[in-house]
Amino acid sequence: MTVTRDQWLSRFAAELGIPEPTDQEIESLLALAGTAAHASERTAAPLSCWLVGRAGLAPAAAQAAAGRLAAHLDQA
């Protein structure tokens, strides 16, 4: 059985006992994953999202931090 992204997120959030992500949170996390994947090895993308959860940051704040890091790396 194949489910959509949103079906998976809804069911996984329920399994974890947390609210499902908002559209804005999803957009921010996808942007964060894109930033990480383009600034480093692709496998940094999902692991960066995991770090956001460990840090307890809002996805938008984490995306801003990732953008700062990527900009700094581009200048180096």
PDB file of N, CA and C in Angstrom:
ATOM      1  N   MET A   1       0.836  -1.182   0.000  1.00  0.00           N
ATOM      2  CA  MET A   1       0.000   0.000   0.000  1.00  0.00           C
ATOM      3  C   MET A   1       0.881   1.246   0.000  1.00  0.00           C
ATOM      4  N   THR A   2       0.685   2.104  -0.946  1.00  0.00           N
ATOM      5  CA  THR A   2       1.411   3.367  -1.022  1.00  0.00           C
ATOM      6  C   THR A   2       0.526   4.479  -0.481  1.00  0.00           C
ATOM      7  N   VAL A   3       1.104   5.314   0.354  1.00  0.00           N
ATOM      8  CA  VAL A   3       0.367   6.450   0.901  1.00  0.00           C
ATOM      9  C   VAL A   3       1.046   7.736   0.445  1.00  0.00           C
ATOM     10  N   THR A   4       0.321   8.824   0.492  1.00  0.00           N
ATOM     11  CA  THR A   4       0.888  10.114   0.129  1.00  0.00           C
ATOM     12  C   THR A   4       1.782  10.627   1.252  1.00  0.00           C
ATOM     13  N   ARG A   5       2.535  11.642   0.933  1.00  0.00           N
ATOM     14  CA  ARG A   5       3.380  12.280   1.947  1.00  0.00           C
ATOM     15  C   ARG A   5       2.548  12.724   3.140  1.00  0.00           C
ATOM     16  N   ASP A   6       1.429  13.408   2.842  1.00  0.00           N
ATOM     17  CA  ASP A   6       0.600  13.946   3.917  1.00  0.00           C
ATOM     18  C   ASP A   6      -0.062  12.838   4.733  1.00  0.00           C
ATOM     19  N   GLN A   7      -0.447  11.755   4.084  1.00  0.00           N
ATOM     20  CA  GLN A   7      -1.010  10.622   4.831  1.00  0.00           C
ATOM     21  C   GLN A   7       0.050  10.026   5.752  1.00  0.00           C
ATOM     22  N   TRP A   8       1.266   9.867   5.225  1.00  0.00           N
ATOM     23  CA  TRP A   8       2.353   9.337   6.043  1.00  0.00           C
ATOM     24  C   TRP A   8       2.610  10.245   7.247  1.00  0.00           C
ATOM     25  N   LEU A   9       2.746  11.550   6.998  1.00  0.00           N
ATOM     26  CA  LEU A   9       3.038  12.480   8.088  1.00  0.00           C
ATOM     27  C   LEU A   9       1.949  12.473   9.140  1.00  0.00           C
ATOM     28  N   SER A  10       0.700  12.431   8.717  1.00  0.00           N
ATOM     29  CA  SER A  10      -0.418  12.403   9.653  1.00  0.00           C
ATOM     30  C   SER A  10      -0.378  11.137  10.510  1.00  0.00           C
ATOM     31  N   ARG A  11      -0.177  10.016   9.860  1.00  0.00           N
ATOM     32  CA  ARG A  11      -0.153   8.735  10.590  1.00  0.00           C
ATOM     33  C   ARG A  11       1.084   8.600  11.461  1.00  0.00           C
ATOM     34  N   PHE A  12       2.224   9.070  10.962  1.00  0.00           N
ATOM     35  CA  PHE A  12       3.455   8.985  11.750  1.00  0.00           C
ATOM     36  C   PHE A  12       3.379   9.895  12.960  1.00  0.00           C
ATOM     37  N   ALA A  13       2.847  11.099  12.781  1.00  0.00           N
ATOM     38  CA  ALA A  13       2.674  12.012  13.919  1.00  0.00           C
ATOM     39  C   ALA A  13       1.770  11.378  14.969  1.00  0.00           C
ATOM     40  N   ALA A  14       0.691  10.757  14.526  1.00  0.00           N
ATOM     41  CA  ALA A  14      -0.210  10.084  15.471  1.00  0.00           C
ATOM     42  C   ALA A  14       0.516   8.959  16.189  1.00  0.00           C
ATOM     43  N   GLU A  15       1.329   8.217  15.468  1.00  0.00           N
ATOM     44  CA  GLU A  15       2.105   7.126  16.070  1.00  0.00           C
ATOM     45  C   GLU A  15       3.063   7.650  17.136  1.00  0.00           C
ATOM     46  N   LEU A  16       3.621   8.835  16.880  1.00  0.00           N
ATOM     47  CA  LEU A  16       4.551   9.452  17.834  1.00  0.00           C
ATOM     48  C   LEU A  16       3.835  10.198  18.953  1.00  0.00           C
ATOM     49  N   GLY A  17       2.538  10.388  18.797  1.00  0.00           N
ATOM     50  CA  GLY A  17       1.767  11.096  19.813  1.00  0.00           C
ATOM     51  C   GLY A  17       1.964  12.601  19.790  1.00  0.00           C
ATOM     52  N   ILE A  18       2.206  13.146  18.598  1.00  0.00           N
ATOM     53  CA  ILE A  18       2.417  14.586  18.451  1.00  0.00           C
ATOM     54  C   ILE A  18       1.506  15.116  17.349  1.00  0.00           C
ATOM     55  N   PRO A  19       1.278  16.435  17.316  1.00  0.00           N
ATOM     56  CA  PRO A  19       0.471  16.998  16.227  1.00  0.00           C
ATOM     57  C   PRO A  19       1.199  16.865  14.896  1.00  0.00           C
ATOM     58  N   GLU A  20       0.431  16.718  13.828  1.00  0.00           N
ATOM     59  CA  GLU A  20       1.063  16.671  12.515  1.00  0.00           C
ATOM     60  C   GLU A  20       1.597  18.044  12.166  1.00  0.00           C
ATOM     61  N   PRO A  21       2.630  18.115  11.313  1.00  0.00           N
ATOM     62  CA  PRO A  21       3.217  19.414  10.980  1.00  0.00           C
ATOM     63  C   PRO A  21       2.270  20.277  10.152  1.00  0.00           C
ATOM     64  N   THR A  22       2.395  21.576  10.361  1.00  0.00           N
ATOM     65  CA  THR A  22       1.611  22.527   9.564  1.00  0.00           C
ATOM     66  C   THR A  22       2.231  22.642   8.179  1.00  0.00           C
ATOM     67  N   ASP A  23       1.500  23.245   7.271  1.00  0.00           N
ATOM     68  CA  ASP A  23       2.036  23.470   5.925  1.00  0.00           C
ATOM     69  C   ASP A  23       3.310  24.305   5.983  1.00  0.00           C
ATOM     70  N   GLN A  24       3.330  25.318   6.846  1.00  0.00           N
ATOM     71  CA  GLN A  24       4.518  26.178   6.976  1.00  0.00           C
ATOM     72  C   GLN A  24       5.701  25.380   7.532  1.00  0.00           C
ATOM     73  N   GLU A  25       5.464  24.527   8.504  1.00  0.00           N
ATOM     74  CA  GLU A  25       6.545  23.702   9.042  1.00  0.00           C
ATOM     75  C   GLU A  25       7.090  22.766   7.970  1.00  0.00           C
ATOM     76  N   ILE A  26       6.205  22.194   7.178  1.00  0.00           N
ATOM     77  CA  ILE A  26       6.642  21.307   6.094  1.00  0.00           C
ATOM     78  C   ILE A  26       7.499  22.082   5.104  1.00  0.00           C
ATOM     79  N   GLU A  27       7.050  23.255   4.697  1.00  0.00           N
ATOM     80  CA  GLU A  27       7.817  24.078   3.756  1.00  0.00           C
ATOM     81  C   GLU A  27       9.198  24.410   4.317  1.00  0.00           C
ATOM     82  N   SER A  28       9.256  24.780   5.590  1.00  0.00           N
ATOM     83  CA  SER A  28      10.535  25.138   6.209  1.00  0.00           C
ATOM     84  C   SER A  28      11.464  23.932   6.284  1.00  0.00           C
ATOM     85  N   LEU A  29      10.933  22.781   6.653  1.00  0.00           N
ATOM     86  CA  LEU A  29      11.775  21.583   6.746  1.00  0.00           C
ATOM     87  C   LEU A  29      12.270  21.148   5.374  1.00  0.00           C
ATOM     88  N   LEU A  30      11.426  21.248   4.360  1.00  0.00           N
ATOM     89  CA  LEU A  30      11.868  20.902   3.010  1.00  0.00           C
ATOM     90  C   LEU A  30      12.935  21.881   2.524  1.00  0.00           C
ATOM     91  N   ALA A  31      12.777  23.152   2.867  1.00  0.00           N
ATOM     92  CA  ALA A  31      13.790  24.142   2.503  1.00  0.00           C
ATOM     93  C   ALA A  31      15.095  23.860   3.232  1.00  0.00           C
ATOM     94  N   LEU A  32      15.011  23.521   4.505  1.00  0.00           N
ATOM     95  CA  LEU A  32      16.191  23.162   5.285  1.00  0.00           C
ATOM     96  C   LEU A  32      16.888  21.962   4.657  1.00  0.00           C
ATOM     97  N   ALA A  33      16.130  20.937   4.314  1.00  0.00           N
ATOM     98  CA  ALA A  33      16.711  19.743   3.699  1.00  0.00           C
ATOM     99  C   ALA A  33      17.386  20.101   2.375  1.00  0.00           C
ATOM    100  N   GLY A  34      16.762  20.971   1.599  1.00  0.00           N
ATOM    101  CA  GLY A  34      17.360  21.403   0.336  1.00  0.00           C
ATOM    102  C   GLY A  34      18.655  22.159   0.549  1.00  0.00           C
ATOM    103  N   THR A  35      18.667  23.044   1.528  1.00  0.00           N
ATOM    104  CA  THR A  35      19.880  23.804   1.835  1.00  0.00           C
ATOM    105  C   THR A  35      21.003  22.860   2.241  1.00  0.00           C
ATOM    106  N   ALA A  36      20.696  21.936   3.141  1.00  0.00           N
ATOM    107  CA  ALA A  36      21.709  20.985   3.610  1.00  0.00           C
ATOM    108  C   ALA A  36      22.219  20.116   2.466  1.00  0.00           C
ATOM    109  N   ALA A  37      21.320  19.648   1.616  1.00  0.00           N
ATOM    110  CA  ALA A  37      21.706  18.766   0.516  1.00  0.00           C
ATOM    111  C   ALA A  37      22.569  19.488  -0.518  1.00  0.00           C
ATOM    112  N   HIS A  38      22.324  20.772  -0.717  1.00  0.00           N
ATOM    113  CA  HIS A  38      23.099  21.506  -1.715  1.00  0.00           C
ATOM    114  C   HIS A  38      24.413  22.059  -1.154  1.00  0.00           C
ATOM    115  N   ALA A  39      24.481  22.232   0.163  1.00  0.00           N
ATOM    116  CA  ALA A  39      25.690  22.783   0.774  1.00  0.00           C
ATOM    117  C   ALA A  39      26.663  21.696   1.221  1.00  0.00           C
ATOM    118  N   SER A  40      26.230  20.444   1.164  1.00  0.00           N
ATOM    119  CA  SER A  40      27.066  19.345   1.652  1.00  0.00           C
ATOM    120  C   SER A  40      26.656  18.062   0.933  1.00  0.00           C
ATOM    121  N   GLU A  41      27.026  16.941   1.513  1.00  0.00           N
ATOM    122  CA  GLU A  41      26.574  15.658   0.982  1.00  0.00           C
ATOM    123  C   GLU A  41      25.068  15.536   1.201  1.00  0.00           C
ATOM    124  N   ARG A  42      24.386  14.887   0.282  1.00  0.00           N
ATOM    125  CA  ARG A  42      22.923  14.780   0.336  1.00  0.00           C
ATOM    126  C   ARG A  42      22.422  14.153   1.636  1.00  0.00           C
ATOM    127  N   THR A  43      23.186  13.246   2.206  1.00  0.00           N
ATOM    128  CA  THR A  43      22.724  12.576   3.423  1.00  0.00           C
ATOM    129  C   THR A  43      22.638  13.515   4.616  1.00  0.00           C
ATOM    130  N   ALA A  44      23.213  14.709   4.484  1.00  0.00           N
ATOM    131  CA  ALA A  44      23.087  15.698   5.568  1.00  0.00           C
ATOM    132  C   ALA A  44      21.659  16.206   5.692  1.00  0.00           C
ATOM    133  N   ALA A  45      20.861  16.091   4.636  1.00  0.00           N
ATOM    134  CA  ALA A  45      19.500  16.639   4.646  1.00  0.00           C
ATOM    135  C   ALA A  45      18.612  15.994   5.714  1.00  0.00           C
ATOM    136  N   PRO A  46      18.410  14.686   5.697  1.00  0.00           N
ATOM    137  CA  PRO A  46      17.534  14.112   6.728  1.00  0.00           C
ATOM    138  C   PRO A  46      18.132  14.219   8.124  1.00  0.00           C
ATOM    139  N   LEU A  47      19.449  14.129   8.199  1.00  0.00           N
ATOM    140  CA  LEU A  47      20.082  14.221   9.514  1.00  0.00           C
ATOM    141  C   LEU A  47      19.994  15.628  10.085  1.00  0.00           C
ATOM    142  N   SER A  48      20.022  16.635   9.219  1.00  0.00           N
ATOM    143  CA  SER A  48      19.834  18.018   9.678  1.00  0.00           C
ATOM    144  C   SER A  48      18.428  18.200  10.246  1.00  0.00           C
ATOM    145  N   CYS A  49      17.441  17.601   9.598  1.00  0.00           N
ATOM    146  CA  CYS A  49      16.072  17.677  10.109  1.00  0.00           C
ATOM    147  C   CYS A  49      15.967  16.987  11.459  1.00  0.00           C
ATOM    148  N   TRP A  50      16.674  15.892  11.632  1.00  0.00           N
ATOM    149  CA  TRP A  50      16.699  15.201  12.928  1.00  0.00           C
ATOM    150  C   TRP A  50      17.315  16.110  13.995  1.00  0.00           C
ATOM    151  N   LEU A  51      18.393  16.824  13.630  1.00  0.00           N
ATOM    152  CA  LEU A  51      19.014  17.744  14.577  1.00  0.00           C
ATOM    153  C   LEU A  51      18.051  18.837  15.023  1.00  0.00           C
ATOM    154  N   VAL A  52      17.194  19.289  14.110  1.00  0.00           N
ATOM    155  CA  VAL A  52      16.187  20.295  14.456  1.00  0.00           C
ATOM    156  C   VAL A  52      15.296  19.766  15.577  1.00  0.00           C
ATOM    157  N   GLY A  53      14.865  18.524  15.431  1.00  0.00           N
ATOM    158  CA  GLY A  53      14.039  17.915  16.466  1.00  0.00           C
ATOM    159  C   GLY A  53      14.782  17.785  17.787  1.00  0.00           C
ATOM    160  N   ARG A  54      16.033  17.383  17.727  1.00  0.00           N
ATOM    161  CA  ARG A  54      16.838  17.250  18.951  1.00  0.00           C
ATOM    162  C   ARG A  54      17.019  18.600  19.630  1.00  0.00           C
ATOM    163  N   ALA A  55      17.177  19.646  18.813  1.00  0.00           N
ATOM    164  CA  ALA A  55      17.400  20.991  19.362  1.00  0.00           C
ATOM    165  C   ALA A  55      16.107  21.632  19.843  1.00  0.00           C
ATOM    166  N   GLY A  56      14.977  21.095  19.410  1.00  0.00           N
ATOM    167  CA  GLY A  56      13.697  21.676  19.798  1.00  0.00           C
ATOM    168  C   GLY A  56      13.415  23.002  19.109  1.00  0.00           C
ATOM    169  N   LEU A  57      14.017  23.222  17.950  1.00  0.00           N
ATOM    170  CA  LEU A  57      13.822  24.470  17.222  1.00  0.00           C
ATOM    171  C   LEU A  57      12.590  24.413  16.336  1.00  0.00           C
ATOM    172  N   ALA A  58      12.014  25.557  16.109  1.00  0.00           N
ATOM    173  CA  ALA A  58      10.958  25.665  15.111  1.00  0.00           C
ATOM    174  C   ALA A  58      11.610  25.501  13.745  1.00  0.00           C
ATOM    175  N   PRO A  59      10.944  24.847  12.803  1.00  0.00           N
ATOM    176  CA  PRO A  59      11.544  24.651  11.484  1.00  0.00           C
ATOM    177  C   PRO A  59      11.994  25.943  10.802  1.00  0.00           C
ATOM    178  N   ALA A  60      11.239  27.017  10.942  1.00  0.00           N
ATOM    179  CA  ALA A  60      11.629  28.280  10.299  1.00  0.00           C
ATOM    180  C   ALA A  60      12.944  28.803  10.891  1.00  0.00           C
ATOM    181  N   ALA A  61      13.111  28.695  12.189  1.00  0.00           N
ATOM    182  CA  ALA A  61      14.352  29.141  12.834  1.00  0.00           C
ATOM    183  C   ALA A  61      15.519  28.264  12.390  1.00  0.00           C
ATOM    184  N   ALA A  62      15.277  26.988  12.263  1.00  0.00           N
ATOM    185  CA  ALA A  62      16.330  26.072  11.816  1.00  0.00           C
ATOM    186  C   ALA A  62      16.721  26.360  10.371  1.00  0.00           C
ATOM    187  N   GLN A  63      15.741  26.659   9.523  1.00  0.00           N
ATOM    188  CA  GLN A  63      16.047  26.987   8.128  1.00  0.00           C
ATOM    189  C   GLN A  63      16.876  28.260   8.059  1.00  0.00           C
ATOM    190  N   ALA A  64      16.575  29.232   8.899  1.00  0.00           N
ATOM    191  CA  ALA A  64      17.368  30.464   8.925  1.00  0.00           C
ATOM    192  C   ALA A  64      18.812  30.159   9.328  1.00  0.00           C
ATOM    193  N   ALA A  65      18.984  29.301  10.321  1.00  0.00           N
ATOM    194  CA  ALA A  65      20.329  28.918  10.758  1.00  0.00           C
ATOM    195  C   ALA A  65      21.066  28.180   9.646  1.00  0.00           C
ATOM    196  N   ALA A  66      20.375  27.295   8.950  1.00  0.00           N
ATOM    197  CA  ALA A  66      20.995  26.565   7.841  1.00  0.00           C
ATOM    198  C   ALA A  66      21.400  27.521   6.729  1.00  0.00           C
ATOM    199  N   GLY A  67      20.574  28.504   6.453  1.00  0.00           N
ATOM    200  CA  GLY A  67      20.909  29.499   5.440  1.00  0.00           C
ATOM    201  C   GLY A  67      22.157  30.284   5.809  1.00  0.00           C
ATOM    202  N   ARG A  68      22.263  30.658   7.088  1.00  0.00           N
ATOM    203  CA  ARG A  68      23.456  31.382   7.551  1.00  0.00           C
ATOM    204  C   ARG A  68      24.699  30.523   7.386  1.00  0.00           C
ATOM    205  N   LEU A  69      24.599  29.252   7.785  1.00  0.00           N
ATOM    206  CA  LEU A  69      25.745  28.344   7.675  1.00  0.00           C
ATOM    207  C   LEU A  69      26.138  28.160   6.215  1.00  0.00           C
ATOM    208  N   ALA A  70      25.159  27.935   5.339  1.00  0.00           N
ATOM    209  CA  ALA A  70      25.458  27.733   3.917  1.00  0.00           C
ATOM    210  C   ALA A  70      26.121  28.976   3.317  1.00  0.00           C
ATOM    211  N   ALA A  71      25.630  30.157   3.690  1.00  0.00           N
ATOM    212  CA  ALA A  71      26.226  31.401   3.184  1.00  0.00           C
ATOM    213  C   ALA A  71      27.675  31.540   3.671  1.00  0.00           C
ATOM    214  N   HIS A  72      27.897  31.185   4.928  1.00  0.00           N
ATOM    215  CA  HIS A  72      29.244  31.256   5.489  1.00  0.00           C
ATOM    216  C   HIS A  72      30.177  30.281   4.761  1.00  0.00           C
ATOM    217  N   LEU A  73      29.690  29.086   4.476  1.00  0.00           N
ATOM    218  CA  LEU A  73      30.501  28.087   3.779  1.00  0.00           C
ATOM    219  C   LEU A  73      30.815  28.535   2.351  1.00  0.00           C
ATOM    220  N   ASP A  74      29.854  29.219   1.715  1.00  0.00           N
ATOM    221  CA  ASP A  74      30.086  29.719   0.363  1.00  0.00           C
ATOM    222  C   ASP A  74      31.172  30.784   0.337  1.00  0.00           C
ATOM    223  N   GLN A  75      31.281  31.551   1.417  1.00  0.00           N
ATOM    224  CA  GLN A  75      32.273  32.625   1.484  1.00  0.00           C
ATOM    225  C   GLN A  75      33.664  32.112   1.827  1.00  0.00           C
ATOM    226  N   ALA A  76      33.713  30.927   2.418  1.00  0.00           N
ATOM    227  CA  ALA A  76      35.005  30.372   2.855  1.00  0.00           C
ATOM    228  C   ALA A  76      35.799  29.813   1.706  1.00  0.00           C
TER     229      ALA A  76
END
